[in-house]
Amino acid sequence: SIIIRKITVEKPLKDILKAVRKMSKGDFNILLLPDHKLSQFTSYDYIKEDLNLLARELSKNEMLKNDFISNVSHEIKTPLAVINNYVSLLENKNTSEEEKNKYLISLQNACKKLSNLVVNILKLNKLENQNLNINFKEFNLTESVTNQILQYEELIEKKEIELQCDLEEDIIINNEESYLELIWNNLISNAIKFTNNNGKIEITLKEINNVIEFKIK
């Protein structure tokens, strides 16, 4: 019914859209309340929780006043614009249920990517200030690099870039995975940025005489 739709769909969408628009203007003083108990969370409730986390992280230590953050502010605005776009599409009453489910999944993915971006920015900020909390542990480096590459799959396809990967299987190392992920993200994103449409990117990862070699061309 119309009343149920207003309660379960339109109201949470309006709350999310209002919060996103505030954040896009640099106002991170938001608190989105879930509409259900944790055991009954809907996708909209999880999106609200992600946006709350994002707002808290962005407002920590007055991040936007930091020169480092200003240099990557456009990286934050882009996914915010994507989120804004999907919320607007979901608000459209002419959108079919199938399309809504598709947009909702895309919206959740955009929120997660944005959250990961902010977490990485905070880590880099700590790195600059030598305020590190390093937690070395064994992990599969091949899987880690692969996951970072997959995050850029959509952008690679959009630019019609030929991607050639030669990754040695199951390279296990003892290190801080999250900090190394910043390196892979930086190298891969720059490669995509500076490769022309229909260009080619080659990525190799090998272990030679106990030395791990990562190349991107």
N, C-alpha and C. Protein backbone atom coordinates (compact mmCIF):
# COMPACT_ATOMS: atom_id res chain seq x y z
N SER A 1 0.83 -1.19 0.00
CA SER A 1 0.00 0.00 0.00
C SER A 1 0.87 1.25 0.00
N ILE A 2 0.22 2.40 -0.24
CA ILE A 2 0.95 3.67 -0.29
C ILE A 2 1.56 4.00 1.06
N ILE A 3 0.81 3.73 2.15
CA ILE A 3 1.29 4.06 3.49
C ILE A 3 2.52 3.22 3.83
N ILE A 4 2.46 1.93 3.53
CA ILE A 4 3.60 1.05 3.81
C ILE A 4 4.82 1.48 3.02
N ARG A 5 4.61 1.84 1.75
CA ARG A 5 5.72 2.29 0.92
C ARG A 5 6.37 3.54 1.50
N LYS A 6 5.54 4.48 1.97
CA LYS A 6 6.08 5.71 2.55
C LYS A 6 6.94 5.42 3.77
N ILE A 7 6.52 4.43 4.58
CA ILE A 7 7.24 4.10 5.81
C ILE A 7 8.50 3.30 5.52
N THR A 8 8.39 2.29 4.63
CA THR A 8 9.50 1.35 4.42
C THR A 8 10.49 1.78 3.35
N VAL A 9 10.08 2.62 2.41
CA VAL A 9 10.97 3.00 1.31
C VAL A 9 11.22 4.50 1.25
N GLU A 10 10.16 5.28 1.13
CA GLU A 10 10.33 6.71 0.88
C GLU A 10 10.99 7.44 2.05
N LYS A 11 10.58 7.12 3.27
CA LYS A 11 11.15 7.81 4.43
C LYS A 11 12.65 7.54 4.58
N PRO A 12 13.10 6.26 4.59
CA PRO A 12 14.54 6.04 4.72
C PRO A 12 15.33 6.63 3.56
N LEU A 13 14.77 6.61 2.35
CA LEU A 13 15.46 7.19 1.20
C LEU A 13 15.63 8.70 1.36
N LYS A 14 14.59 9.37 1.85
CA LYS A 14 14.68 10.81 2.06
C LYS A 14 15.73 11.13 3.13
N ASP A 15 15.77 10.30 4.21
CA ASP A 15 16.76 10.50 5.26
C ASP A 15 18.17 10.34 4.71
N ILE A 16 18.37 9.29 3.90
CA ILE A 16 19.69 9.01 3.32
C ILE A 16 20.11 10.13 2.38
N LEU A 17 19.19 10.55 1.52
CA LEU A 17 19.49 11.60 0.55
C LEU A 17 19.83 12.92 1.25
N LYS A 18 19.09 13.24 2.30
CA LYS A 18 19.36 14.47 3.05
C LYS A 18 20.76 14.43 3.67
N ALA A 19 21.13 13.26 4.23
CA ALA A 19 22.44 13.10 4.85
C ALA A 19 23.56 13.20 3.83
N VAL A 20 23.38 12.56 2.68
CA VAL A 20 24.39 12.58 1.62
C VAL A 20 24.61 14.00 1.12
N ARG A 21 23.54 14.75 0.96
CA ARG A 21 23.67 16.13 0.48
C ARG A 21 24.38 17.02 1.50
N LYS A 22 24.13 16.77 2.78
CA LYS A 22 24.84 17.52 3.83
C LYS A 22 26.33 17.20 3.78
N MET A 23 26.66 15.91 3.64
CA MET A 23 28.06 15.49 3.62
C MET A 23 28.78 16.02 2.39
N SER A 24 28.07 16.09 1.25
CA SER A 24 28.69 16.59 0.03
C SER A 24 29.06 18.07 0.15
N LYS A 25 28.42 18.77 1.10
CA LYS A 25 28.73 20.19 1.35
C LYS A 25 29.73 20.36 2.49
N GLY A 26 30.26 19.23 3.00
CA GLY A 26 31.26 19.31 4.05
C GLY A 26 30.70 19.30 5.46
N ASP A 27 29.39 19.05 5.59
CA ASP A 27 28.77 18.98 6.92
C ASP A 27 28.61 17.52 7.31
N PHE A 28 29.44 17.08 8.28
CA PHE A 28 29.43 15.67 8.68
C PHE A 28 28.74 15.45 10.03
N ASN A 29 27.97 16.44 10.45
CA ASN A 29 27.24 16.33 11.71
C ASN A 29 25.89 15.65 11.44
N ILE A 30 25.94 14.35 11.21
CA ILE A 30 24.71 13.62 10.92
C ILE A 30 24.61 12.39 11.82
N LEU A 31 23.39 11.97 12.06
CA LEU A 31 23.13 10.73 12.78
C LEU A 31 21.84 10.14 12.25
N LEU A 32 21.98 9.10 11.45
CA LEU A 32 20.81 8.44 10.87
C LEU A 32 20.38 7.28 11.76
N LEU A 33 19.15 7.32 12.20
CA LEU A 33 18.64 6.28 13.09
C LEU A 33 18.02 5.15 12.26
N PRO A 34 18.38 3.90 12.56
CA PRO A 34 17.76 2.78 11.83
C PRO A 34 16.28 2.69 12.14
N ASP A 35 15.53 2.15 11.22
CA ASP A 35 14.08 2.04 11.38
C ASP A 35 13.66 0.71 12.00
N HIS A 36 14.64 -0.18 12.20
CA HIS A 36 14.31 -1.50 12.74
C HIS A 36 15.36 -1.93 13.76
N LYS A 37 15.01 -2.95 14.53
CA LYS A 37 15.98 -3.55 15.44
C LYS A 37 17.06 -4.24 14.63
N LEU A 38 18.25 -4.43 15.24
CA LEU A 38 19.40 -5.00 14.54
C LEU A 38 19.06 -6.33 13.87
N SER A 39 18.31 -7.16 14.55
CA SER A 39 17.97 -8.48 14.01
C SER A 39 17.03 -8.40 12.80
N GLN A 40 16.42 -7.21 12.60
CA GLN A 40 15.46 -7.03 11.50
C GLN A 40 15.93 -5.95 10.52
N PHE A 41 17.22 -5.67 10.53
CA PHE A 41 17.76 -4.61 9.67
C PHE A 41 17.44 -4.87 8.20
N THR A 42 17.05 -3.79 7.50
CA THR A 42 16.88 -3.85 6.05
C THR A 42 18.14 -3.27 5.39
N SER A 43 18.19 -3.32 4.08
CA SER A 43 19.33 -2.75 3.36
C SER A 43 19.47 -1.26 3.65
N TYR A 44 18.34 -0.58 3.81
CA TYR A 44 18.38 0.85 4.10
C TYR A 44 19.00 1.12 5.48
N ASP A 45 18.72 0.25 6.44
CA ASP A 45 19.30 0.40 7.78
C ASP A 45 20.82 0.23 7.73
N TYR A 46 21.28 -0.74 6.95
CA TYR A 46 22.73 -0.96 6.83
C TYR A 46 23.40 0.22 6.14
N ILE A 47 22.74 0.80 5.14
CA ILE A 47 23.29 1.97 4.47
C ILE A 47 23.40 3.14 5.45
N LYS A 48 22.39 3.31 6.28
CA LYS A 48 22.42 4.37 7.29
C LYS A 48 23.60 4.18 8.24
N GLU A 49 23.82 2.94 8.67
CA GLU A 49 24.92 2.65 9.58
C GLU A 49 26.26 2.97 8.91
N ASP A 50 26.39 2.62 7.61
CA ASP A 50 27.63 2.91 6.88
C ASP A 50 27.86 4.41 6.79
N LEU A 51 26.80 5.16 6.52
CA LEU A 51 26.94 6.61 6.42
C LEU A 51 27.26 7.24 7.77
N ASN A 52 26.71 6.70 8.85
CA ASN A 52 27.05 7.20 10.19
C ASN A 52 28.53 7.00 10.48
N LEU A 53 29.04 5.81 10.14
CA LEU A 53 30.46 5.51 10.34
C LEU A 53 31.31 6.46 9.51
N LEU A 54 30.91 6.65 8.27
CA LEU A 54 31.65 7.53 7.37
C LEU A 54 31.71 8.95 7.92
N ALA A 55 30.59 9.45 8.40
CA ALA A 55 30.53 10.82 8.93
C ALA A 55 31.43 10.97 10.16
N ARG A 56 31.42 9.94 11.03
CA ARG A 56 32.28 10.00 12.23
C ARG A 56 33.75 10.04 11.85
N GLU A 57 34.13 9.21 10.88
CA GLU A 57 35.53 9.15 10.48
C GLU A 57 35.98 10.46 9.82
N LEU A 58 35.10 11.04 9.00
CA LEU A 58 35.45 12.27 8.30
C LEU A 58 35.60 13.46 9.24
N SER A 59 34.84 13.43 10.33
CA SER A 59 34.89 14.57 11.24
C SER A 59 35.97 14.44 12.30
N LYS A 60 36.66 13.29 12.34
CA LYS A 60 37.73 13.09 13.32
C LYS A 60 38.87 14.07 13.08
N ASN A 61 39.33 14.66 14.14
CA ASN A 61 40.52 15.53 14.11
C ASN A 61 40.42 16.64 13.06
N GLU A 62 39.18 17.06 12.78
CA GLU A 62 38.96 18.14 11.80
C GLU A 62 39.74 17.86 10.52
N MET A 63 39.48 16.66 9.99
CA MET A 63 40.27 16.17 8.86
C MET A 63 40.31 17.12 7.67
N LEU A 64 39.19 17.76 7.39
CA LEU A 64 39.14 18.58 6.19
C LEU A 64 40.03 19.82 6.26
N LYS A 65 40.54 20.12 7.47
CA LYS A 65 41.45 21.25 7.60
C LYS A 65 42.88 20.84 7.29
N ASN A 66 43.09 19.57 7.13
CA ASN A 66 44.42 19.05 6.87
C ASN A 66 44.74 19.17 5.39
N ASP A 67 45.95 19.64 5.06
CA ASP A 67 46.34 19.81 3.65
C ASP A 67 46.27 18.51 2.88
N PHE A 68 46.61 17.43 3.56
CA PHE A 68 46.60 16.14 2.88
C PHE A 68 45.20 15.78 2.41
N ILE A 69 44.21 16.02 3.26
CA ILE A 69 42.84 15.68 2.92
C ILE A 69 42.34 16.55 1.77
N SER A 70 42.74 17.81 1.77
CA SER A 70 42.27 18.69 0.69
C SER A 70 42.75 18.20 -0.67
N ASN A 71 43.90 17.52 -0.69
CA ASN A 71 44.43 17.02 -1.96
C ASN A 71 43.64 15.84 -2.51
N VAL A 72 42.88 15.18 -1.65
CA VAL A 72 42.10 14.03 -2.12
C VAL A 72 40.60 14.25 -1.95
N SER A 73 40.20 15.49 -1.74
CA SER A 73 38.78 15.77 -1.50
C SER A 73 37.92 15.34 -2.69
N HIS A 74 38.49 15.46 -3.92
CA HIS A 74 37.72 15.07 -5.10
C HIS A 74 37.45 13.57 -5.10
N GLU A 75 38.35 12.80 -4.46
CA GLU A 75 38.15 11.35 -4.39
C GLU A 75 36.92 11.02 -3.53
N ILE A 76 36.63 11.89 -2.56
CA ILE A 76 35.47 11.69 -1.69
C ILE A 76 34.20 12.15 -2.40
N LYS A 77 34.29 13.26 -3.12
CA LYS A 77 33.11 13.83 -3.76
C LYS A 77 32.55 12.91 -4.84
N THR A 78 33.43 12.20 -5.53
CA THR A 78 32.97 11.34 -6.63
C THR A 78 32.02 10.25 -6.15
N PRO A 79 32.42 9.41 -5.16
CA PRO A 79 31.47 8.39 -4.70
C PRO A 79 30.23 8.98 -4.03
N LEU A 80 30.36 10.15 -3.42
CA LEU A 80 29.19 10.81 -2.84
C LEU A 80 28.19 11.16 -3.94
N ALA A 81 28.71 11.60 -5.08
CA ALA A 81 27.84 11.92 -6.21
C ALA A 81 27.15 10.67 -6.73
N VAL A 82 27.88 9.55 -6.73
CA VAL A 82 27.30 8.28 -7.17
C VAL A 82 26.17 7.88 -6.24
N ILE A 83 26.40 8.00 -4.93
CA ILE A 83 25.38 7.66 -3.94
C ILE A 83 24.15 8.55 -4.12
N ASN A 84 24.39 9.83 -4.30
CA ASN A 84 23.30 10.78 -4.52
C ASN A 84 22.48 10.38 -5.73
N ASN A 85 23.15 9.95 -6.79
CA ASN A 85 22.47 9.57 -8.03
C ASN A 85 21.59 8.34 -7.82
N TYR A 86 22.12 7.32 -7.13
CA TYR A 86 21.34 6.10 -6.92
C TYR A 86 20.14 6.34 -6.00
N VAL A 87 20.33 7.19 -5.00
CA VAL A 87 19.20 7.51 -4.11
C VAL A 87 18.10 8.21 -4.89
N SER A 88 18.48 9.13 -5.77
CA SER A 88 17.50 9.84 -6.60
C SER A 88 16.75 8.86 -7.50
N LEU A 89 17.47 7.88 -8.06
CA LEU A 89 16.84 6.87 -8.91
C LEU A 89 15.85 6.02 -8.11
N LEU A 90 16.22 5.71 -6.88
CA LEU A 90 15.34 4.90 -6.03
C LEU A 90 14.09 5.67 -5.64
N GLU A 91 14.22 6.98 -5.57
CA GLU A 91 13.07 7.83 -5.20
C GLU A 91 12.04 7.92 -6.32
N ASN A 92 12.48 7.66 -7.54
CA ASN A 92 11.60 7.78 -8.69
C ASN A 92 10.49 6.73 -8.63
N LYS A 93 9.25 7.16 -8.59
CA LYS A 93 8.11 6.25 -8.45
C LYS A 93 7.92 5.37 -9.68
N ASN A 94 8.50 5.77 -10.81
CA ASN A 94 8.35 4.98 -12.04
C ASN A 94 9.39 3.86 -12.15
N THR A 95 10.30 3.81 -11.18
CA THR A 95 11.34 2.77 -11.20
C THR A 95 10.73 1.43 -10.81
N SER A 96 11.00 0.40 -11.59
CA SER A 96 10.46 -0.94 -11.31
C SER A 96 11.15 -1.55 -10.10
N GLU A 97 10.52 -2.59 -9.53
CA GLU A 97 11.10 -3.26 -8.36
C GLU A 97 12.44 -3.90 -8.71
N GLU A 98 12.53 -4.45 -9.91
CA GLU A 98 13.78 -5.07 -10.35
C GLU A 98 14.90 -4.03 -10.43
N GLU A 99 14.57 -2.87 -10.98
CA GLU A 99 15.56 -1.80 -11.07
C GLU A 99 15.94 -1.29 -9.69
N LYS A 100 14.95 -1.19 -8.80
CA LYS A 100 15.23 -0.73 -7.43
C LYS A 100 16.20 -1.64 -6.71
N ASN A 101 15.99 -2.96 -6.87
CA ASN A 101 16.90 -3.92 -6.23
C ASN A 101 18.32 -3.76 -6.78
N LYS A 102 18.42 -3.54 -8.08
CA LYS A 102 19.72 -3.34 -8.72
C LYS A 102 20.38 -2.06 -8.21
N TYR A 103 19.60 -0.97 -8.13
CA TYR A 103 20.15 0.30 -7.66
C TYR A 103 20.54 0.21 -6.18
N LEU A 104 19.76 -0.54 -5.41
CA LEU A 104 20.03 -0.67 -3.98
C LEU A 104 21.36 -1.37 -3.74
N ILE A 105 21.62 -2.43 -4.51
CA ILE A 105 22.90 -3.14 -4.41
C ILE A 105 24.05 -2.20 -4.79
N SER A 106 23.86 -1.45 -5.86
CA SER A 106 24.89 -0.49 -6.30
C SER A 106 25.11 0.58 -5.24
N LEU A 107 24.03 1.00 -4.60
CA LEU A 107 24.12 2.01 -3.54
C LEU A 107 24.93 1.48 -2.35
N GLN A 108 24.65 0.24 -1.97
CA GLN A 108 25.40 -0.37 -0.86
C GLN A 108 26.87 -0.49 -1.20
N ASN A 109 27.17 -0.91 -2.43
CA ASN A 109 28.57 -1.04 -2.85
C ASN A 109 29.28 0.31 -2.84
N ALA A 110 28.57 1.35 -3.28
CA ALA A 110 29.16 2.69 -3.30
C ALA A 110 29.46 3.17 -1.88
N CYS A 111 28.55 2.87 -0.95
CA CYS A 111 28.77 3.24 0.46
C CYS A 111 30.00 2.54 1.04
N LYS A 112 30.12 1.25 0.70
CA LYS A 112 31.27 0.48 1.21
C LYS A 112 32.58 1.01 0.64
N LYS A 113 32.58 1.33 -0.66
CA LYS A 113 33.78 1.86 -1.29
C LYS A 113 34.16 3.19 -0.66
N LEU A 114 33.15 4.01 -0.38
CA LEU A 114 33.41 5.31 0.22
C LEU A 114 33.97 5.15 1.63
N SER A 115 33.41 4.21 2.38
CA SER A 115 33.90 3.94 3.73
C SER A 115 35.35 3.47 3.69
N ASN A 116 35.65 2.57 2.76
CA ASN A 116 37.03 2.08 2.62
C ASN A 116 37.98 3.20 2.24
N LEU A 117 37.52 4.10 1.38
CA LEU A 117 38.34 5.23 0.96
C LEU A 117 38.69 6.10 2.15
N VAL A 118 37.72 6.40 2.98
CA VAL A 118 37.95 7.26 4.14
C VAL A 118 38.89 6.58 5.14
N VAL A 119 38.68 5.28 5.36
CA VAL A 119 39.56 4.54 6.26
C VAL A 119 41.00 4.60 5.76
N ASN A 120 41.19 4.43 4.45
CA ASN A 120 42.53 4.50 3.88
C ASN A 120 43.14 5.89 4.02
N ILE A 121 42.32 6.92 3.85
CA ILE A 121 42.80 8.29 4.01
C ILE A 121 43.27 8.52 5.45
N LEU A 122 42.50 8.02 6.40
CA LEU A 122 42.88 8.15 7.81
C LEU A 122 44.20 7.43 8.08
N LYS A 123 44.37 6.26 7.47
CA LYS A 123 45.63 5.52 7.66
C LYS A 123 46.81 6.30 7.09
N LEU A 124 46.61 6.89 5.91
CA LEU A 124 47.68 7.67 5.32
C LEU A 124 48.01 8.90 6.16
N ASN A 125 46.98 9.48 6.75
CA ASN A 125 47.18 10.63 7.62
C ASN A 125 48.03 10.24 8.83
N LYS A 126 47.73 9.06 9.41
CA LYS A 126 48.52 8.57 10.52
C LYS A 126 49.95 8.27 10.09
N LEU A 127 50.08 7.76 8.86
CA LEU A 127 51.40 7.45 8.32
C LEU A 127 52.24 8.71 8.22
N GLU A 128 51.62 9.80 7.75
CA GLU A 128 52.33 11.07 7.64
C GLU A 128 52.81 11.57 8.99
N ASN A 129 51.97 11.37 10.00
CA ASN A 129 52.29 11.86 11.34
C ASN A 129 53.04 10.84 12.18
N GLN A 130 53.45 9.73 11.54
CA GLN A 130 54.19 8.66 12.21
C GLN A 130 53.45 8.16 13.45
N ASN A 131 52.13 8.13 13.34
CA ASN A 131 51.30 7.63 14.44
C ASN A 131 50.69 6.30 14.00
N LEU A 132 51.54 5.28 13.90
CA LEU A 132 51.13 4.01 13.33
C LEU A 132 50.81 2.97 14.40
N ASN A 133 49.84 2.17 14.09
CA ASN A 133 49.53 1.01 14.93
C ASN A 133 49.65 -0.21 14.02
N ILE A 134 50.89 -0.71 13.91
CA ILE A 134 51.17 -1.77 12.94
C ILE A 134 50.87 -3.13 13.55
N ASN A 135 50.13 -3.92 12.81
CA ASN A 135 49.75 -5.26 13.26
C ASN A 135 50.19 -6.27 12.21
N PHE A 136 51.41 -6.79 12.37
CA PHE A 136 51.95 -7.75 11.41
C PHE A 136 51.27 -9.10 11.60
N LYS A 137 50.91 -9.71 10.47
CA LYS A 137 50.35 -11.06 10.50
C LYS A 137 50.51 -11.70 9.13
N GLU A 138 50.42 -13.01 9.10
CA GLU A 138 50.54 -13.71 7.83
C GLU A 138 49.25 -13.56 7.02
N PHE A 139 49.40 -13.32 5.72
CA PHE A 139 48.23 -13.26 4.85
C PHE A 139 48.65 -13.60 3.43
N ASN A 140 47.67 -13.89 2.60
CA ASN A 140 47.91 -14.25 1.21
C ASN A 140 48.02 -12.98 0.37
N LEU A 141 49.23 -12.64 -0.01
CA LEU A 141 49.47 -11.41 -0.76
C LEU A 141 48.80 -11.46 -2.14
N THR A 142 48.81 -12.62 -2.77
CA THR A 142 48.20 -12.76 -4.09
C THR A 142 46.71 -12.42 -4.05
N GLU A 143 46.03 -12.96 -3.04
CA GLU A 143 44.61 -12.67 -2.89
C GLU A 143 44.37 -11.20 -2.60
N SER A 144 45.23 -10.60 -1.78
CA SER A 144 45.09 -9.19 -1.43
C SER A 144 45.22 -8.31 -2.66
N VAL A 145 46.23 -8.54 -3.48
CA VAL A 145 46.44 -7.75 -4.70
C VAL A 145 45.27 -7.97 -5.67
N THR A 146 44.83 -9.22 -5.79
CA THR A 146 43.71 -9.54 -6.68
C THR A 146 42.45 -8.76 -6.28
N ASN A 147 42.18 -8.71 -4.98
CA ASN A 147 41.00 -7.99 -4.49
C ASN A 147 41.08 -6.50 -4.80
N GLN A 148 42.27 -5.94 -4.72
CA GLN A 148 42.43 -4.51 -5.04
C GLN A 148 42.21 -4.26 -6.52
N ILE A 149 42.68 -5.17 -7.36
CA ILE A 149 42.48 -5.02 -8.81
C ILE A 149 40.99 -5.08 -9.14
N LEU A 150 40.27 -6.02 -8.50
CA LEU A 150 38.85 -6.20 -8.80
C LEU A 150 38.02 -4.96 -8.45
N GLN A 151 38.49 -4.17 -7.49
CA GLN A 151 37.76 -2.95 -7.13
C GLN A 151 37.70 -1.97 -8.29
N TYR A 152 38.64 -2.09 -9.22
CA TYR A 152 38.70 -1.14 -10.34
C TYR A 152 38.16 -1.74 -11.63
N GLU A 153 37.49 -2.89 -11.51
CA GLU A 153 37.00 -3.60 -12.69
C GLU A 153 36.07 -2.72 -13.54
N GLU A 154 35.16 -2.03 -12.88
CA GLU A 154 34.18 -1.19 -13.60
C GLU A 154 34.87 -0.06 -14.35
N LEU A 155 35.86 0.57 -13.70
CA LEU A 155 36.57 1.69 -14.32
C LEU A 155 37.43 1.21 -15.49
N ILE A 156 38.04 0.04 -15.34
CA ILE A 156 38.85 -0.54 -16.42
C ILE A 156 37.98 -0.83 -17.64
N GLU A 157 36.80 -1.40 -17.39
CA GLU A 157 35.88 -1.70 -18.49
C GLU A 157 35.38 -0.42 -19.16
N LYS A 158 35.13 0.60 -18.35
CA LYS A 158 34.63 1.87 -18.88
C LYS A 158 35.63 2.49 -19.85
N LYS A 159 36.93 2.39 -19.53
CA LYS A 159 37.96 2.96 -20.40
C LYS A 159 38.42 1.96 -21.46
N GLU A 160 37.79 0.77 -21.43
CA GLU A 160 38.12 -0.28 -22.40
C GLU A 160 39.62 -0.58 -22.40
N ILE A 161 40.17 -0.69 -21.21
CA ILE A 161 41.59 -1.00 -21.05
C ILE A 161 41.80 -2.51 -21.05
N GLU A 162 42.81 -2.95 -21.76
CA GLU A 162 43.17 -4.37 -21.74
C GLU A 162 44.04 -4.61 -20.50
N LEU A 163 43.57 -5.49 -19.62
CA LEU A 163 44.30 -5.77 -18.39
C LEU A 163 44.92 -7.16 -18.46
N GLN A 164 46.23 -7.21 -18.32
CA GLN A 164 46.94 -8.49 -18.35
C GLN A 164 47.62 -8.70 -16.99
N CYS A 165 47.20 -9.75 -16.28
CA CYS A 165 47.73 -10.03 -14.94
C CYS A 165 48.50 -11.35 -14.93
N ASP A 166 49.67 -11.32 -14.32
CA ASP A 166 50.47 -12.53 -14.12
C ASP A 166 50.85 -12.57 -12.64
N LEU A 167 49.97 -13.18 -11.84
CA LEU A 167 50.15 -13.19 -10.39
C LEU A 167 50.48 -14.61 -9.93
N GLU A 168 51.62 -14.77 -9.30
CA GLU A 168 51.99 -16.08 -8.77
C GLU A 168 51.01 -16.47 -7.66
N GLU A 169 50.58 -17.72 -7.66
CA GLU A 169 49.57 -18.16 -6.71
C GLU A 169 50.13 -18.26 -5.28
N ASP A 170 49.29 -17.88 -4.34
CA ASP A 170 49.49 -18.13 -2.90
C ASP A 170 50.87 -17.70 -2.38
N ILE A 171 51.20 -16.43 -2.59
CA ILE A 171 52.39 -15.87 -1.96
C ILE A 171 52.01 -15.43 -0.55
N ILE A 172 52.57 -16.08 0.45
CA ILE A 172 52.24 -15.78 1.85
C ILE A 172 53.35 -14.93 2.46
N ILE A 173 52.96 -13.81 3.07
CA ILE A 173 53.95 -12.94 3.72
C ILE A 173 53.47 -12.55 5.11
N ASN A 174 54.38 -12.05 5.91
CA ASN A 174 54.08 -11.57 7.25
C ASN A 174 54.25 -10.06 7.25
N ASN A 175 53.15 -9.33 7.22
CA ASN A 175 53.24 -7.88 7.10
C ASN A 175 51.91 -7.26 7.53
N GLU A 176 51.81 -5.95 7.39
CA GLU A 176 50.57 -5.23 7.70
C GLU A 176 49.78 -5.08 6.40
N GLU A 177 48.76 -5.90 6.23
CA GLU A 177 48.03 -5.96 4.97
C GLU A 177 47.38 -4.63 4.60
N SER A 178 46.76 -3.97 5.57
CA SER A 178 46.00 -2.75 5.26
C SER A 178 46.89 -1.64 4.72
N TYR A 179 48.12 -1.54 5.21
CA TYR A 179 49.02 -0.49 4.71
C TYR A 179 49.54 -0.83 3.32
N LEU A 180 49.78 -2.10 3.06
CA LEU A 180 50.20 -2.51 1.72
C LEU A 180 49.08 -2.28 0.71
N GLU A 181 47.83 -2.43 1.15
CA GLU A 181 46.70 -2.19 0.26
C GLU A 181 46.70 -0.75 -0.26
N LEU A 182 47.17 0.18 0.58
CA LEU A 182 47.24 1.58 0.15
C LEU A 182 48.19 1.72 -1.03
N ILE A 183 49.29 0.94 -1.00
CA ILE A 183 50.27 1.00 -2.08
C ILE A 183 49.66 0.46 -3.37
N TRP A 184 49.02 -0.72 -3.27
CA TRP A 184 48.41 -1.30 -4.47
C TRP A 184 47.34 -0.37 -5.05
N ASN A 185 46.51 0.18 -4.18
CA ASN A 185 45.45 1.09 -4.64
C ASN A 185 46.03 2.30 -5.36
N ASN A 186 47.10 2.86 -4.78
CA ASN A 186 47.71 4.04 -5.37
C ASN A 186 48.30 3.74 -6.74
N LEU A 187 49.03 2.63 -6.83
CA LEU A 187 49.67 2.26 -8.09
C LEU A 187 48.64 1.91 -9.17
N ILE A 188 47.63 1.12 -8.79
CA ILE A 188 46.63 0.69 -9.77
C ILE A 188 45.77 1.87 -10.24
N SER A 189 45.33 2.70 -9.30
CA SER A 189 44.48 3.84 -9.67
C SER A 189 45.24 4.81 -10.56
N ASN A 190 46.54 5.02 -10.28
CA ASN A 190 47.33 5.92 -11.13
C ASN A 190 47.53 5.32 -12.51
N ALA A 191 47.74 4.01 -12.57
CA ALA A 191 47.91 3.35 -13.87
C ALA A 191 46.66 3.53 -14.73
N ILE A 192 45.50 3.36 -14.12
CA ILE A 192 44.24 3.52 -14.85
C ILE A 192 44.05 4.98 -15.27
N LYS A 193 44.35 5.87 -14.35
CA LYS A 193 44.16 7.30 -14.61
C LYS A 193 45.00 7.77 -15.80
N PHE A 194 46.25 7.28 -15.88
CA PHE A 194 47.16 7.78 -16.91
C PHE A 194 47.27 6.86 -18.12
N THR A 195 46.40 5.86 -18.19
CA THR A 195 46.34 5.01 -19.38
C THR A 195 45.17 5.47 -20.25
N ASN A 196 45.44 5.68 -21.51
CA ASN A 196 44.40 6.16 -22.42
C ASN A 196 43.34 5.09 -22.65
N ASN A 197 42.19 5.52 -23.12
CA ASN A 197 41.14 4.57 -23.50
C ASN A 197 41.70 3.58 -24.52
N ASN A 198 41.29 2.32 -24.38
CA ASN A 198 41.76 1.24 -25.26
C ASN A 198 43.25 0.96 -25.09
N GLY A 199 43.82 1.42 -23.97
CA GLY A 199 45.22 1.15 -23.68
C GLY A 199 45.40 -0.21 -23.02
N LYS A 200 46.57 -0.45 -22.46
CA LYS A 200 46.88 -1.75 -21.86
C LYS A 200 47.64 -1.56 -20.56
N ILE A 201 47.27 -2.35 -19.56
CA ILE A 201 47.97 -2.36 -18.27
C ILE A 201 48.43 -3.78 -17.98
N GLU A 202 49.70 -3.93 -17.60
CA GLU A 202 50.24 -5.23 -17.24
C GLU A 202 50.64 -5.21 -15.76
N ILE A 203 50.17 -6.20 -15.01
CA ILE A 203 50.49 -6.31 -13.59
C ILE A 203 51.11 -7.68 -13.33
N THR A 204 52.26 -7.70 -12.68
CA THR A 204 52.90 -8.97 -12.34
C THR A 204 53.26 -9.00 -10.86
N LEU A 205 53.16 -10.18 -10.28
CA LEU A 205 53.53 -10.39 -8.89
C LEU A 205 54.23 -11.74 -8.80
N LYS A 206 55.49 -11.71 -8.40
CA LYS A 206 56.28 -12.94 -8.34
C LYS A 206 57.19 -12.95 -7.12
N GLU A 207 57.55 -14.14 -6.69
CA GLU A 207 58.53 -14.31 -5.62
C GLU A 207 59.78 -14.95 -6.22
N ILE A 208 60.89 -14.20 -6.18
CA ILE A 208 62.14 -14.66 -6.77
C ILE A 208 63.24 -14.64 -5.71
N ASN A 209 63.75 -15.82 -5.35
CA ASN A 209 64.82 -15.93 -4.33
C ASN A 209 64.43 -15.21 -3.04
N ASN A 210 63.22 -15.50 -2.56
CA ASN A 210 62.70 -14.93 -1.30
C ASN A 210 62.49 -13.42 -1.37
N VAL A 211 62.50 -12.86 -2.56
CA VAL A 211 62.20 -11.44 -2.74
C VAL A 211 60.92 -11.33 -3.55
N ILE A 212 59.96 -10.56 -3.04
CA ILE A 212 58.68 -10.40 -3.74
C ILE A 212 58.77 -9.20 -4.67
N GLU A 213 58.39 -9.43 -5.92
CA GLU A 213 58.49 -8.39 -6.94
C GLU A 213 57.09 -8.08 -7.49
N PHE A 214 56.71 -6.82 -7.37
CA PHE A 214 55.42 -6.36 -7.89
C PHE A 214 55.71 -5.32 -8.97
N LYS A 215 55.15 -5.54 -10.16
CA LYS A 215 55.36 -4.59 -11.26
C LYS A 215 54.02 -4.21 -11.87
N ILE A 216 53.91 -2.95 -12.23
CA ILE A 216 52.73 -2.50 -12.96
C ILE A 216 53.21 -1.60 -14.09
N LYS A 217 52.74 -1.89 -15.30
CA LYS A 217 53.22 -1.19 -16.49
C LYS A 217 52.03 -0.71 -17.30
